[in-house]
Protein backbone atom coordinates (compact mmCIF):
# COMPACT_ATOMS: atom_id res chain seq x y z
CA MET A 1 -24.68 -8.48 5.36
CA ALA A 2 -27.10 -9.79 7.97
CA GLY A 3 -26.88 -13.07 9.85
CA ASN A 4 -24.68 -14.67 12.44
CA PHE A 5 -21.22 -15.99 11.65
CA THR A 6 -22.31 -19.58 11.07
CA GLU A 7 -25.02 -18.56 8.59
CA VAL A 8 -22.75 -16.14 6.73
CA HIS A 9 -19.93 -18.67 6.55
CA LYS A 10 -22.26 -21.38 5.29
CA ARG A 11 -23.56 -19.15 2.51
CA SER A 12 -20.01 -18.18 1.51
CA ILE A 13 -19.29 -21.89 0.93
CA GLU A 14 -22.56 -22.91 -0.70
CA ASP A 15 -23.07 -19.83 -2.87
CA ARG A 16 -19.60 -18.32 -3.19
CA GLU A 17 -20.30 -16.28 -6.32
CA GLY A 18 -23.56 -14.84 -5.01
CA PHE A 19 -22.00 -14.21 -1.61
CA TRP A 20 -18.95 -12.34 -2.92
CA ALA A 21 -20.98 -10.41 -5.49
CA GLU A 22 -23.09 -9.08 -2.63
CA VAL A 23 -20.02 -8.24 -0.55
CA ALA A 24 -18.41 -6.46 -3.51
CA GLU A 25 -21.40 -4.14 -3.83
CA GLY A 26 -20.17 -2.53 -0.62
CA ILE A 27 -17.20 -0.88 -2.35
CA ASP A 28 -16.92 1.52 -5.29
CA TRP A 29 -15.93 0.22 -8.71
CA VAL A 30 -14.58 2.16 -11.68
CA LYS A 31 -15.91 -0.65 -13.86
CA LYS A 32 -18.13 -3.50 -12.65
CA TRP A 33 -16.92 -7.04 -13.20
CA ASP A 34 -18.01 -9.21 -16.12
CA LYS A 35 -17.83 -12.39 -14.06
CA VAL A 36 -17.53 -12.88 -10.31
CA LEU A 37 -15.36 -16.00 -10.56
CA ASP A 38 -13.49 -17.29 -13.56
CA ASP A 39 -12.57 -20.88 -12.76
CA SER A 40 -11.79 -21.90 -16.34
CA ASN A 41 -8.09 -22.31 -15.49
CA ALA A 42 -8.37 -23.93 -12.08
CA PRO A 43 -6.61 -23.90 -9.70
CA LEU A 44 -5.56 -20.46 -10.98
CA TYR A 45 -8.81 -18.66 -10.19
CA ARG A 46 -9.57 -15.06 -11.15
CA TRP A 47 -12.08 -13.15 -9.06
CA PHE A 48 -14.15 -10.26 -10.45
CA GLU A 49 -12.88 -10.77 -13.98
CA GLY A 50 -13.06 -7.54 -15.98
CA GLY A 51 -13.64 -5.36 -12.94
CA GLU A 52 -11.60 -2.26 -12.16
CA LEU A 53 -11.33 -0.29 -8.93
CA ASN A 54 -8.94 1.98 -7.08
CA THR A 55 -8.09 0.77 -3.59
CA CYS A 56 -6.89 4.21 -2.50
CA TYR A 57 -10.23 5.75 -3.48
CA ASN A 58 -12.03 3.09 -1.47
CA MET A 59 -9.66 3.58 1.44
CA LEU A 60 -9.88 7.37 1.67
CA ASP A 61 -11.81 9.44 -0.91
CA ARG A 62 -15.15 7.72 -0.50
CA HIS A 63 -15.14 8.34 3.26
CA VAL A 64 -14.34 12.03 2.82
CA GLU A 65 -17.04 12.35 0.15
CA ASN A 66 -19.56 10.69 2.46
CA GLY A 67 -18.97 13.18 5.26
CA ARG A 68 -16.54 11.23 7.40
CA GLY A 69 -13.50 13.37 6.63
CA GLU A 70 -12.84 14.29 10.25
CA GLN A 71 -13.22 10.72 11.51
CA ALA A 72 -10.06 8.89 12.59
CA ALA A 73 -8.55 6.90 9.73
CA LEU A 74 -5.18 6.00 11.23
CA ILE A 75 -3.97 5.87 14.81
CA TYR A 76 -0.20 5.67 15.16
CA ASP A 77 1.13 4.52 18.54
CA SER A 78 4.85 3.79 18.75
CA PRO A 79 6.15 2.22 21.96
CA VAL A 80 9.70 2.66 20.65
CA THR A 81 9.60 6.43 20.21
CA GLU A 82 6.75 6.92 22.73
CA SER A 83 4.80 8.96 20.20
CA LYS A 84 1.11 8.86 19.32
CA ARG A 85 -0.87 10.55 16.60
CA THR A 86 -4.29 10.27 14.98
CA TYR A 87 -4.83 11.09 11.30
CA SER A 88 -8.30 11.89 9.95
CA TYR A 89 -9.48 10.70 6.55
CA SER A 90 -9.18 14.24 5.17
CA GLU A 91 -5.67 14.69 6.54
CA LEU A 92 -4.50 11.32 5.29
CA LEU A 93 -6.06 11.92 1.87
CA ASP A 94 -4.12 15.19 1.51
CA LEU A 95 -0.86 13.48 2.45
CA VAL A 96 -1.45 10.59 0.06
CA ALA A 97 -2.50 12.84 -2.83
CA ASN A 98 0.60 15.01 -2.35
CA PHE A 99 2.90 12.00 -2.25
CA ALA A 100 1.20 10.48 -5.28
CA GLY A 101 2.01 13.70 -7.11
CA ALA A 102 5.64 13.40 -6.02
CA LEU A 103 5.76 9.82 -7.33
CA ALA A 104 4.16 10.88 -10.61
CA ASN A 105 6.82 13.57 -10.98
CA GLN A 106 9.37 10.75 -10.73
CA GLY A 107 7.69 9.03 -13.66
CA VAL A 108 5.70 6.45 -11.68
CA GLY A 109 2.46 5.41 -13.34
CA LYS A 110 0.00 2.57 -13.74
CA GLY A 111 1.67 -0.84 -13.70
CA ASP A 112 5.06 0.39 -12.47
CA ARG A 113 6.60 -1.31 -9.46
CA VAL A 114 7.75 0.65 -6.42
CA ILE A 115 9.70 -0.84 -3.53
CA ILE A 116 8.93 0.59 -0.10
CA TYR A 117 11.87 0.04 2.26
CA MET A 118 10.72 1.70 5.47
CA PRO A 119 10.06 1.10 9.16
CA MET A 120 6.55 0.80 10.60
CA VAL A 121 5.72 4.50 10.44
CA PRO A 122 2.75 6.41 8.97
CA GLU A 123 4.88 7.48 6.01
CA ALA A 124 5.02 3.85 4.87
CA LEU A 125 1.23 3.71 4.68
CA VAL A 126 1.19 7.03 2.84
CA ALA A 127 3.62 5.61 0.28
CA MET A 128 1.57 2.41 -0.18
CA ALA A 129 -1.68 4.30 -0.67
CA ALA A 130 -0.01 6.77 -3.04
CA CYS A 131 1.15 3.88 -5.22
CA ALA A 132 -2.38 2.47 -5.27
CA ARG A 133 -3.73 5.89 -6.20
CA LEU A 134 -1.56 5.91 -9.32
CA GLY A 135 -2.23 2.28 -10.19
CA ALA A 136 1.37 1.35 -9.40
CA VAL A 137 2.28 -1.89 -7.64
CA HIS A 138 4.06 -1.53 -4.31
CA SER A 139 6.35 -4.15 -2.82
CA VAL A 140 6.98 -3.67 0.89
CA VAL A 141 10.42 -4.83 2.00
CA PHE A 142 11.06 -5.09 5.72
CA GLY A 143 13.13 -2.10 6.77
CA GLY A 144 16.63 -3.05 7.82
CA PHE A 145 16.89 -6.14 5.61
CA ALA A 146 20.48 -6.84 4.60
CA ALA A 147 21.70 -5.47 1.26
CA ASN A 148 21.70 -8.83 -0.54
CA GLU A 149 18.11 -9.54 0.52
CA LEU A 150 16.99 -6.12 -0.67
CA ALA A 151 18.91 -6.55 -3.95
CA THR A 152 17.05 -9.81 -4.63
CA ARG A 153 13.73 -8.04 -4.19
CA ILE A 154 14.80 -5.17 -6.44
CA ASP A 155 15.56 -7.68 -9.19
CA ASP A 156 12.40 -9.70 -8.61
CA ALA A 157 10.15 -6.63 -8.73
CA GLY A 158 11.98 -4.77 -11.49
CA ALA A 159 11.34 -1.68 -9.41
CA LYS A 160 11.14 1.69 -11.12
CA LEU A 161 11.61 3.56 -7.86
CA ILE A 162 12.55 2.82 -4.25
CA VAL A 163 10.98 4.80 -1.42
CA SER A 164 12.99 4.61 1.79
CA ALA A 165 13.48 6.23 5.17
CA SER A 166 16.89 7.42 6.25
CA CYS A 167 16.84 5.03 9.20
CA GLY A 168 14.79 2.86 11.49
CA ILE A 169 14.64 3.19 15.25
CA GLU A 170 14.72 -0.05 17.21
CA PRO A 171 15.04 -0.58 20.96
CA GLY A 172 18.58 0.39 21.86
CA ARG A 173 19.83 1.18 18.36
CA ILE A 174 19.34 3.07 15.12
CA VAL A 175 19.51 1.13 11.85
CA GLU A 176 20.92 3.25 9.04
CA TYR A 177 19.03 2.37 5.86
CA LYS A 178 20.98 4.49 3.36
CA PRO A 179 24.21 2.41 3.35
CA LEU A 180 22.19 -0.80 3.04
CA LEU A 181 20.17 0.64 0.17
CA ASP A 182 23.28 1.90 -1.64
CA GLN A 183 24.85 -1.55 -1.41
CA ALA A 184 21.66 -3.25 -2.58
CA VAL A 185 21.32 -1.04 -5.65
CA GLU A 186 24.96 -1.70 -6.54
CA MET A 187 24.46 -5.48 -6.13
CA ALA A 188 21.17 -5.64 -8.05
CA THR A 189 21.16 -6.49 -11.75
CA HIS A 190 18.10 -4.29 -12.29
CA LYS A 191 18.74 -0.61 -11.64
CA PRO A 192 15.78 1.51 -10.50
CA ASN A 193 15.33 4.97 -11.96
CA GLY A 194 15.89 6.52 -8.57
CA CYS A 195 15.43 6.43 -4.80
CA SER A 196 13.26 8.76 -2.76
CA PHE A 197 14.03 9.32 0.91
CA SER A 198 11.51 10.55 3.44
CA ASN A 199 11.23 11.27 7.12
CA ALA A 200 8.61 12.73 9.43
CA ARG A 201 9.85 16.25 8.84
CA ASN A 202 9.38 16.37 5.08
CA VAL A 203 6.42 14.02 4.48
CA LEU A 204 4.10 14.60 7.40
CA PRO A 205 3.21 17.88 9.07
CA PRO A 206 4.53 18.56 12.58
């Protein structure tokens, strides 16, 4: 979209439906929208009413299909563990597709809710994208939250599955997630079908 910031911003205010319809043409849709903005129940607005897309496809597949598979998609730089790694679109797509298959084998499908209880590691992004690939809804819970806080989120989401790491590494200490997760599941009224644990050794290649 051409123009300087002031011009673009002005158009987004004065012609919001035309503006966002043009922006939306820049991504791939499974089904185009029937209406850009449904404001019939204001202030509860619905954008792109009737449209359907897959955010994982737009995030990864389309770039691989357009010849950018070897381009950097994710750069991980951890000051805590002093580790760095770059993942290409092709590499990340393979990881996400494999993990989506693992989730599907656990019965996760379109509309299901999955809680992701993990530290800020590439595996967390893989899990989020895998949920999107299946049409599942992911709810990211800050890794290391106390059991009662996690239990509240399990109940609120009605999670079918919880994806977690075994621990989180913070400056000067290791936070064990498994005991917190066990307590949270016991405290929660809603019981997920299962929990899936991952770490760098069994989700991502060395």
